């Protein structure tokens, strides 16, 4: 009787594990949006892994013989943890994952902005007939004032 009670307890714990893994998957989905194809693929892989885990747990707990009370205990552990622990666990994991995700998104935005800014600068440089004295400096008329390059100073450099 003692061994069956321990097996029942470990089966309940084995039912909690897939729910915890699925909570991690849901938190990941809350932070990073996916298309329906990737969600379906993740779910398929999860359920295959959960089935293999359940089979391994039953095989290990009971030396390969199938006892229905072990499957009932796994189902009981999954349902109870899904109702009691899963919402809070998913919310906490989502909050934790949002911190590095926000930093990564901010870095990506800065890199994209810098890349676009560099492309604009290169396009302006290539399009200007005077080279380093771009079209932005052409609007200024006059001589060199306070270290600014103007059209006249560019013409002097080209003549030399």
N, C-alpha and C. Protein backbone atom coordinates (compact mmCIF):
# COMPACT_ATOMS: atom_id res chain seq x y z
N UNK A 1 0.81 -1.20 0.00
CA UNK A 1 0.00 0.00 0.00
C UNK A 1 0.86 1.27 0.00
N UNK A 2 1.98 1.23 0.69
CA UNK A 2 2.87 2.40 0.75
C UNK A 2 3.44 2.72 -0.62
N UNK A 3 3.80 1.70 -1.36
CA UNK A 3 4.39 1.92 -2.68
C UNK A 3 3.37 2.51 -3.65
N UNK A 4 2.11 2.07 -3.59
CA UNK A 4 1.07 2.62 -4.46
C UNK A 4 0.79 4.08 -4.12
N UNK A 5 0.87 4.43 -2.84
CA UNK A 5 0.67 5.83 -2.44
C UNK A 5 1.78 6.71 -2.98
N UNK A 6 3.02 6.24 -2.90
CA UNK A 6 4.14 6.99 -3.48
C UNK A 6 4.02 7.10 -4.99
N UNK A 7 3.60 6.04 -5.63
CA UNK A 7 3.40 6.09 -7.08
C UNK A 7 2.31 7.09 -7.45
N UNK A 8 1.23 7.11 -6.66
CA UNK A 8 0.15 8.06 -6.89
C UNK A 8 0.66 9.50 -6.74
N UNK A 9 1.44 9.76 -5.70
CA UNK A 9 2.00 11.09 -5.48
C UNK A 9 2.92 11.50 -6.63
N UNK A 10 3.82 10.60 -7.04
CA UNK A 10 4.74 10.93 -8.13
C UNK A 10 3.99 11.09 -9.45
N UNK A 11 2.89 10.39 -9.63
CA UNK A 11 2.08 10.57 -10.84
C UNK A 11 1.42 11.94 -10.85
N UNK A 12 0.97 12.40 -9.68
CA UNK A 12 0.42 13.76 -9.60
C UNK A 12 1.49 14.78 -9.98
N UNK A 13 2.70 14.59 -9.47
CA UNK A 13 3.81 15.49 -9.82
C UNK A 13 4.13 15.42 -11.31
N UNK A 14 4.04 14.21 -11.87
CA UNK A 14 4.30 14.06 -13.30
C UNK A 14 3.21 14.74 -14.13
N UNK A 15 2.03 14.91 -13.59
CA UNK A 15 0.98 15.65 -14.29
C UNK A 15 1.17 17.15 -14.21
N UNK A 16 1.86 17.61 -13.18
CA UNK A 16 2.10 19.06 -13.01
C UNK A 16 3.17 19.55 -13.99
N UNK A 17 4.14 18.70 -14.30
CA UNK A 17 5.28 19.12 -15.15
C UNK A 17 4.84 19.59 -16.53
N UNK A 18 4.01 18.84 -17.28
CA UNK A 18 3.61 19.35 -18.60
C UNK A 18 2.83 20.66 -18.53
N UNK A 19 2.04 20.84 -17.48
CA UNK A 19 1.31 22.10 -17.33
C UNK A 19 2.29 23.26 -17.12
N UNK A 20 3.34 23.03 -16.33
CA UNK A 20 4.36 24.06 -16.13
C UNK A 20 5.09 24.40 -17.42
N UNK A 21 5.40 23.38 -18.20
CA UNK A 21 6.08 23.61 -19.49
C UNK A 21 5.16 24.38 -20.43
N UNK A 22 3.87 24.04 -20.43
CA UNK A 22 2.93 24.76 -21.29
C UNK A 22 2.75 26.20 -20.83
N UNK A 23 2.86 26.45 -19.54
CA UNK A 23 2.81 27.83 -19.03
C UNK A 23 3.99 28.65 -19.55
N UNK A 24 5.15 28.02 -19.60
CA UNK A 24 6.33 28.70 -20.17
C UNK A 24 6.08 29.02 -21.64
N UNK A 25 5.49 28.07 -22.36
CA UNK A 25 5.18 28.28 -23.77
C UNK A 25 4.16 29.40 -23.95
N UNK A 26 3.14 29.45 -23.10
CA UNK A 26 2.14 30.53 -23.18
C UNK A 26 2.75 31.88 -22.85
N UNK A 27 3.64 31.92 -21.86
CA UNK A 27 4.29 33.19 -21.52
C UNK A 27 5.16 33.67 -22.68
N UNK A 28 5.85 32.74 -23.33
CA UNK A 28 6.66 33.09 -24.49
C UNK A 28 5.78 33.66 -25.61
N UNK A 29 4.60 33.06 -25.80
CA UNK A 29 3.67 33.55 -26.81
C UNK A 29 3.10 34.92 -26.44
N UNK A 30 2.92 35.17 -25.15
CA UNK A 30 2.41 36.48 -24.73
C UNK A 30 3.41 37.59 -25.02
N UNK A 31 4.69 37.28 -24.92
CA UNK A 31 5.72 38.29 -25.11
C UNK A 31 6.06 38.46 -26.59
N UNK A 32 6.21 37.35 -27.31
CA UNK A 32 6.57 37.38 -28.73
C UNK A 32 5.39 36.86 -29.54
N UNK A 33 4.84 37.70 -30.41
CA UNK A 33 3.69 37.28 -31.21
C UNK A 33 4.14 36.29 -32.28
N UNK A 34 3.25 35.33 -32.55
CA UNK A 34 3.52 34.28 -33.53
C UNK A 34 2.39 34.24 -34.55
N UNK A 35 2.69 33.67 -35.70
CA UNK A 35 1.62 33.39 -36.64
C UNK A 35 0.94 32.09 -36.22
N UNK A 36 -0.22 31.83 -36.79
CA UNK A 36 -0.97 30.62 -36.40
C UNK A 36 -0.23 29.35 -36.79
N UNK A 37 0.58 29.39 -37.84
CA UNK A 37 1.36 28.22 -38.24
C UNK A 37 2.35 27.83 -37.15
N UNK A 38 3.09 28.82 -36.63
CA UNK A 38 4.09 28.53 -35.60
C UNK A 38 3.45 28.11 -34.29
N UNK A 39 2.29 28.68 -33.98
CA UNK A 39 1.58 28.26 -32.76
C UNK A 39 1.15 26.80 -32.88
N UNK A 40 0.61 26.44 -34.04
CA UNK A 40 0.19 25.05 -34.25
C UNK A 40 1.39 24.10 -34.20
N UNK A 41 2.50 24.50 -34.77
CA UNK A 41 3.69 23.66 -34.73
C UNK A 41 4.22 23.51 -33.31
N UNK A 42 4.24 24.60 -32.55
CA UNK A 42 4.67 24.52 -31.15
C UNK A 42 3.75 23.60 -30.34
N UNK A 43 2.44 23.72 -30.57
CA UNK A 43 1.49 22.86 -29.86
C UNK A 43 1.69 21.40 -30.23
N UNK A 44 1.89 21.12 -31.50
CA UNK A 44 2.11 19.74 -31.92
C UNK A 44 3.36 19.15 -31.26
N UNK A 45 4.44 19.91 -31.27
CA UNK A 45 5.68 19.44 -30.64
C UNK A 45 5.51 19.28 -29.13
N UNK A 46 4.75 20.19 -28.51
CA UNK A 46 4.51 20.08 -27.07
C UNK A 46 3.74 18.81 -26.75
N UNK A 47 2.67 18.53 -27.50
CA UNK A 47 1.86 17.36 -27.17
C UNK A 47 2.60 16.06 -27.46
N UNK A 48 3.44 16.04 -28.44
CA UNK A 48 4.28 14.85 -28.67
C UNK A 48 5.24 14.66 -27.50
N UNK A 49 5.88 15.75 -27.06
CA UNK A 49 6.80 15.66 -25.93
C UNK A 49 6.06 15.29 -24.64
N UNK A 50 4.84 15.83 -24.45
CA UNK A 50 4.06 15.50 -23.25
C UNK A 50 3.65 14.03 -23.25
N UNK A 51 3.30 13.50 -24.40
CA UNK A 51 2.93 12.08 -24.48
C UNK A 51 4.13 11.19 -24.18
N UNK A 52 5.28 11.55 -24.73
CA UNK A 52 6.50 10.78 -24.45
C UNK A 52 6.87 10.86 -22.97
N UNK A 53 6.70 12.04 -22.39
CA UNK A 53 6.99 12.21 -20.97
C UNK A 53 6.04 11.37 -20.12
N UNK A 54 4.75 11.37 -20.46
CA UNK A 54 3.77 10.58 -19.70
C UNK A 54 4.08 9.09 -19.81
N UNK A 55 4.43 8.65 -21.00
CA UNK A 55 4.78 7.24 -21.19
C UNK A 55 6.01 6.88 -20.36
N UNK A 56 7.02 7.74 -20.40
CA UNK A 56 8.24 7.47 -19.63
C UNK A 56 7.96 7.49 -18.13
N UNK A 57 7.09 8.38 -17.68
CA UNK A 57 6.77 8.46 -16.25
C UNK A 57 6.05 7.20 -15.79
N UNK A 58 5.08 6.74 -16.56
CA UNK A 58 4.35 5.53 -16.19
C UNK A 58 5.28 4.32 -16.24
N UNK A 59 6.09 4.26 -17.25
CA UNK A 59 7.03 3.14 -17.39
C UNK A 59 8.01 3.10 -16.22
N UNK A 60 8.48 4.25 -15.84
CA UNK A 60 9.48 4.31 -14.77
C UNK A 60 8.85 4.07 -13.39
N UNK A 61 7.67 4.60 -13.17
CA UNK A 61 7.02 4.46 -11.87
C UNK A 61 6.54 3.04 -11.60
N UNK A 62 6.13 2.34 -12.65
CA UNK A 62 5.49 1.05 -12.42
C UNK A 62 6.11 -0.08 -13.23
N UNK A 63 7.33 0.02 -13.58
CA UNK A 63 8.07 -1.00 -14.31
C UNK A 63 7.33 -1.46 -15.57
N UNK A 64 6.68 -0.55 -16.25
CA UNK A 64 6.10 -0.84 -17.55
C UNK A 64 4.67 -1.31 -17.55
N UNK A 65 4.11 -1.72 -16.44
CA UNK A 65 2.71 -2.16 -16.46
C UNK A 65 1.79 -0.94 -16.30
N UNK A 66 0.70 -0.95 -17.02
CA UNK A 66 -0.21 0.18 -17.04
C UNK A 66 -1.25 0.03 -15.93
N UNK A 67 -1.27 0.97 -15.06
CA UNK A 67 -2.28 0.99 -14.00
C UNK A 67 -3.08 2.27 -14.17
N UNK A 68 -4.37 2.15 -14.17
CA UNK A 68 -5.24 3.27 -14.45
C UNK A 68 -5.19 4.33 -13.37
N UNK A 69 -4.91 3.93 -12.14
CA UNK A 69 -4.86 4.95 -11.09
C UNK A 69 -3.68 5.89 -11.30
N UNK A 70 -2.60 5.44 -11.97
CA UNK A 70 -1.47 6.33 -12.27
C UNK A 70 -1.86 7.36 -13.33
N UNK A 71 -2.58 6.91 -14.35
CA UNK A 71 -3.04 7.86 -15.37
C UNK A 71 -4.05 8.84 -14.78
N UNK A 72 -4.93 8.34 -13.90
CA UNK A 72 -5.87 9.23 -13.22
C UNK A 72 -5.12 10.26 -12.37
N UNK A 73 -4.07 9.82 -11.68
CA UNK A 73 -3.29 10.74 -10.84
C UNK A 73 -2.59 11.80 -11.69
N UNK A 74 -2.06 11.39 -12.85
CA UNK A 74 -1.42 12.37 -13.75
C UNK A 74 -2.45 13.38 -14.24
N UNK A 75 -3.62 12.91 -14.60
CA UNK A 75 -4.68 13.81 -15.06
C UNK A 75 -5.13 14.72 -13.93
N UNK A 76 -5.24 14.19 -12.72
CA UNK A 76 -5.62 14.99 -11.56
C UNK A 76 -4.58 16.09 -11.29
N UNK A 77 -3.30 15.74 -11.36
CA UNK A 77 -2.24 16.73 -11.16
C UNK A 77 -2.26 17.81 -12.22
N UNK A 78 -2.52 17.42 -13.48
CA UNK A 78 -2.57 18.40 -14.56
C UNK A 78 -3.76 19.34 -14.40
N UNK A 79 -4.92 18.79 -14.06
CA UNK A 79 -6.11 19.63 -13.93
C UNK A 79 -5.98 20.58 -12.74
N UNK A 80 -5.56 20.06 -11.60
CA UNK A 80 -5.43 20.91 -10.41
C UNK A 80 -4.39 22.01 -10.61
N UNK A 81 -3.24 21.65 -11.16
CA UNK A 81 -2.22 22.68 -11.38
C UNK A 81 -2.65 23.66 -12.46
N UNK A 82 -3.41 23.19 -13.45
CA UNK A 82 -3.91 24.09 -14.49
C UNK A 82 -4.90 25.09 -13.96
N UNK A 83 -5.69 24.68 -12.97
CA UNK A 83 -6.69 25.59 -12.40
C UNK A 83 -6.11 26.50 -11.32
N UNK A 84 -5.18 25.97 -10.53
CA UNK A 84 -4.70 26.72 -9.37
C UNK A 84 -3.41 27.48 -9.66
N UNK A 85 -2.42 26.80 -10.20
CA UNK A 85 -1.10 27.40 -10.35
C UNK A 85 -0.84 28.07 -11.70
N UNK A 86 -1.42 27.55 -12.76
CA UNK A 86 -1.07 28.00 -14.11
C UNK A 86 -1.32 29.49 -14.36
N UNK A 87 -2.46 30.07 -13.98
CA UNK A 87 -2.65 31.50 -14.29
C UNK A 87 -1.61 32.41 -13.63
N UNK A 88 -1.30 32.15 -12.37
CA UNK A 88 -0.31 32.99 -11.68
C UNK A 88 1.09 32.74 -12.24
N UNK A 89 1.40 31.48 -12.50
CA UNK A 89 2.72 31.14 -13.03
C UNK A 89 2.93 31.76 -14.41
N UNK A 90 1.90 31.72 -15.25
CA UNK A 90 1.99 32.32 -16.59
C UNK A 90 2.16 33.84 -16.49
N UNK A 91 1.42 34.47 -15.59
CA UNK A 91 1.52 35.93 -15.44
C UNK A 91 2.90 36.34 -14.95
N UNK A 92 3.46 35.60 -14.01
CA UNK A 92 4.79 35.92 -13.49
C UNK A 92 5.85 35.71 -14.57
N UNK A 93 5.75 34.60 -15.30
CA UNK A 93 6.73 34.35 -16.37
C UNK A 93 6.62 35.39 -17.48
N UNK A 94 5.41 35.79 -17.80
CA UNK A 94 5.23 36.83 -18.83
C UNK A 94 5.89 38.13 -18.38
N UNK A 95 5.69 38.49 -17.13
CA UNK A 95 6.30 39.72 -16.60
C UNK A 95 7.82 39.62 -16.63
N UNK A 96 8.36 38.46 -16.26
CA UNK A 96 9.82 38.28 -16.25
C UNK A 96 10.38 38.32 -17.67
N UNK A 97 9.69 37.69 -18.62
CA UNK A 97 10.18 37.65 -20.00
C UNK A 97 10.07 39.00 -20.71
N UNK A 98 9.16 39.86 -20.26
CA UNK A 98 9.01 41.17 -20.91
C UNK A 98 10.21 42.07 -20.69
N UNK A 99 10.93 41.88 -19.60
CA UNK A 99 12.07 42.75 -19.30
C UNK A 99 13.19 42.59 -20.34
N UNK A 100 13.72 41.37 -20.56
CA UNK A 100 14.75 41.26 -21.59
C UNK A 100 14.19 41.46 -23.00
N UNK A 101 12.92 41.12 -23.21
CA UNK A 101 12.33 41.32 -24.54
C UNK A 101 12.25 42.80 -24.88
N UNK A 102 11.92 43.63 -23.91
CA UNK A 102 11.86 45.07 -24.16
C UNK A 102 13.24 45.62 -24.49
N UNK A 103 14.25 45.13 -23.79
CA UNK A 103 15.62 45.60 -24.06
C UNK A 103 16.06 45.17 -25.45
N UNK A 104 15.74 43.95 -25.85
CA UNK A 104 16.13 43.47 -27.18
C UNK A 104 15.38 44.25 -28.26
N UNK A 105 14.09 44.49 -28.06
CA UNK A 105 13.32 45.25 -29.05
C UNK A 105 13.87 46.67 -29.19
N UNK A 106 14.27 47.27 -28.06
CA UNK A 106 14.82 48.63 -28.10
C UNK A 106 16.15 48.65 -28.86
N UNK A 107 17.00 47.66 -28.63
CA UNK A 107 18.27 47.59 -29.34
C UNK A 107 18.05 47.38 -30.83
N UNK A 108 17.08 46.55 -31.20
CA UNK A 108 16.79 46.32 -32.62
C UNK A 108 16.29 47.59 -33.27
N UNK A 109 15.42 48.33 -32.58
CA UNK A 109 14.93 49.59 -33.13
C UNK A 109 16.07 50.58 -33.35
N UNK A 110 16.99 50.64 -32.39
CA UNK A 110 18.13 51.56 -32.53
C UNK A 110 19.03 51.15 -33.69
N UNK A 111 19.25 49.85 -33.85
CA UNK A 111 20.07 49.38 -34.97
C UNK A 111 19.40 49.68 -36.30
N UNK A 112 18.10 49.47 -36.38
CA UNK A 112 17.38 49.76 -37.62
C UNK A 112 17.43 51.26 -37.91
N UNK A 113 17.23 52.08 -36.88
CA UNK A 113 17.28 53.53 -37.07
C UNK A 113 18.67 53.96 -37.55
N UNK A 114 19.71 53.42 -36.92
CA UNK A 114 21.08 53.77 -37.32
C UNK A 114 21.36 53.32 -38.75
N UNK A 115 20.89 52.15 -39.11
CA UNK A 115 21.09 51.65 -40.47
C UNK A 115 20.39 52.51 -41.49
N UNK A 116 19.17 52.92 -41.19
CA UNK A 116 18.43 53.79 -42.12
C UNK A 116 19.09 55.16 -42.21
N UNK A 117 19.55 55.65 -41.07
CA UNK A 117 20.22 56.97 -41.05
C UNK A 117 21.50 56.92 -41.88
N UNK A 118 22.24 55.84 -41.75
CA UNK A 118 23.48 55.69 -42.52
C UNK A 118 23.17 55.57 -44.01
N UNK A 119 22.11 54.84 -44.35
CA UNK A 119 21.73 54.71 -45.76
C UNK A 119 21.33 56.07 -46.34
N UNK A 120 20.60 56.84 -45.58
CA UNK A 120 20.21 58.18 -46.04
C UNK A 120 21.45 59.05 -46.24
N UNK A 121 22.38 58.97 -45.32
CA UNK A 121 23.61 59.77 -45.43
C UNK A 121 24.41 59.34 -46.65
N UNK A 122 24.52 58.05 -46.91
CA UNK A 122 25.27 57.55 -48.07
C UNK A 122 24.57 57.95 -49.36
N UNK A 123 23.23 57.86 -49.38
CA UNK A 123 22.49 58.27 -50.58
C UNK A 123 22.69 59.76 -50.87
N UNK A 124 22.66 60.58 -49.83
CA UNK A 124 22.88 62.02 -50.02
C UNK A 124 24.30 62.29 -50.51
N UNK A 125 25.25 61.58 -49.96
CA UNK A 125 26.65 61.77 -50.35
C UNK A 125 26.85 61.36 -51.80
N UNK A 126 26.24 60.26 -52.19
CA UNK A 126 26.40 59.78 -53.57
C UNK A 126 25.67 60.69 -54.56
N UNK A 127 24.57 61.28 -54.14
CA UNK A 127 23.77 62.11 -55.05
C UNK A 127 24.31 63.52 -55.20
N UNK A 128 25.12 63.98 -54.25
CA UNK A 128 25.59 65.36 -54.33
C UNK A 128 26.73 65.48 -55.33
N UNK A 129 26.71 66.50 -56.16
CA UNK A 129 27.76 66.66 -57.16
C UNK A 129 29.09 67.14 -56.57
N UNK A 130 29.07 67.67 -55.35
CA UNK A 130 30.30 68.21 -54.79
C UNK A 130 30.98 67.26 -53.81
N UNK A 131 30.49 66.05 -53.66
CA UNK A 131 31.16 65.08 -52.78
C UNK A 131 30.81 65.33 -51.33
N UNK A 132 31.81 65.68 -50.54
CA UNK A 132 31.61 65.85 -49.10
C UNK A 132 30.74 67.05 -48.77
N UNK A 133 30.69 68.02 -49.65
CA UNK A 133 29.83 69.17 -49.43
C UNK A 133 28.47 68.83 -50.01
N UNK A 134 27.64 68.21 -49.25
CA UNK A 134 26.36 67.68 -49.73
C UNK A 134 25.35 68.76 -50.04
N UNK A 135 24.20 68.32 -50.49
CA UNK A 135 23.14 69.25 -50.88
C UNK A 135 22.64 70.05 -49.68
N UNK A 136 22.81 69.53 -48.50
CA UNK A 136 22.36 70.25 -47.30
C UNK A 136 23.17 71.53 -47.14
N UNK A 137 24.46 71.51 -47.50
CA UNK A 137 25.31 72.68 -47.33
C UNK A 137 25.16 73.67 -48.48
N UNK A 138 24.55 73.27 -49.56
CA UNK A 138 24.42 74.17 -50.69
C UNK A 138 23.49 75.33 -50.39
N UNK A 139 22.57 75.15 -49.51
CA UNK A 139 21.62 76.20 -49.21
C UNK A 139 22.28 77.38 -48.53
N UNK A 140 23.41 77.12 -47.90
CA UNK A 140 24.13 78.20 -47.23
C UNK A 140 24.97 78.96 -48.24
N UNK A 141 24.90 80.20 -48.17
CA UNK A 141 25.72 81.04 -49.05
C UNK A 141 26.69 81.83 -48.19
N UNK A 142 27.83 82.09 -48.73
CA UNK A 142 28.79 82.89 -47.99
C UNK A 142 30.08 82.14 -47.82
N UNK A 143 30.91 82.65 -46.93
CA UNK A 143 32.23 82.06 -46.73
C UNK A 143 32.21 81.18 -45.48
N UNK A 144 33.35 80.70 -45.12
CA UNK A 144 33.49 79.81 -43.96
C UNK A 144 33.22 80.62 -42.69
N UNK A 145 32.24 80.19 -41.92
CA UNK A 145 31.92 80.88 -40.69
C UNK A 145 31.84 79.86 -39.57
N UNK A 146 32.53 80.13 -38.53
CA UNK A 146 32.56 79.30 -37.32
C UNK A 146 32.76 77.82 -37.63
N UNK A 147 33.67 77.53 -38.56
CA UNK A 147 34.05 76.14 -38.83
C UNK A 147 33.08 75.38 -39.70
N UNK A 148 32.05 76.00 -40.24
CA UNK A 148 31.09 75.29 -41.08
C UNK A 148 31.59 75.29 -42.51
N UNK A 149 31.37 74.18 -43.17
CA UNK A 149 31.76 74.08 -44.58
C UNK A 149 30.61 74.60 -45.42
N UNK A 150 30.91 75.51 -46.31
CA UNK A 150 29.88 76.07 -47.17
C UNK A 150 30.26 75.82 -48.61
N UNK A 151 29.41 76.26 -49.51
CA UNK A 151 29.63 76.02 -50.93
C UNK A 151 30.90 76.72 -51.42
N UNK A 152 31.16 77.94 -50.95
CA UNK A 152 32.35 78.67 -51.40
C UNK A 152 33.63 77.98 -50.94
N UNK A 153 33.64 77.47 -49.71
CA UNK A 153 34.86 76.82 -49.24
C UNK A 153 35.08 75.51 -50.00
N UNK A 154 34.02 74.84 -50.43
CA UNK A 154 34.18 73.63 -51.22
C UNK A 154 34.75 73.95 -52.59
N UNK A 155 34.31 75.08 -53.17
CA UNK A 155 34.83 75.47 -54.48
C UNK A 155 36.32 75.80 -54.38
N UNK A 156 36.76 76.41 -53.27
CA UNK A 156 38.16 76.71 -53.09
C UNK A 156 38.97 75.43 -52.99
N UNK A 157 38.45 74.42 -52.30
CA UNK A 157 39.18 73.16 -52.17
C UNK A 157 39.29 72.46 -53.51
N UNK A 158 38.24 72.53 -54.35
CA UNK A 158 38.26 71.86 -55.64
C UNK A 158 39.26 72.51 -56.59
N UNK A 159 39.46 73.84 -56.48
CA UNK A 159 40.37 74.54 -57.37
C UNK A 159 41.82 74.21 -57.03
N UNK A 160 42.12 73.91 -55.78
CA UNK A 160 43.51 73.65 -55.38
C UNK A 160 43.94 72.34 -55.85
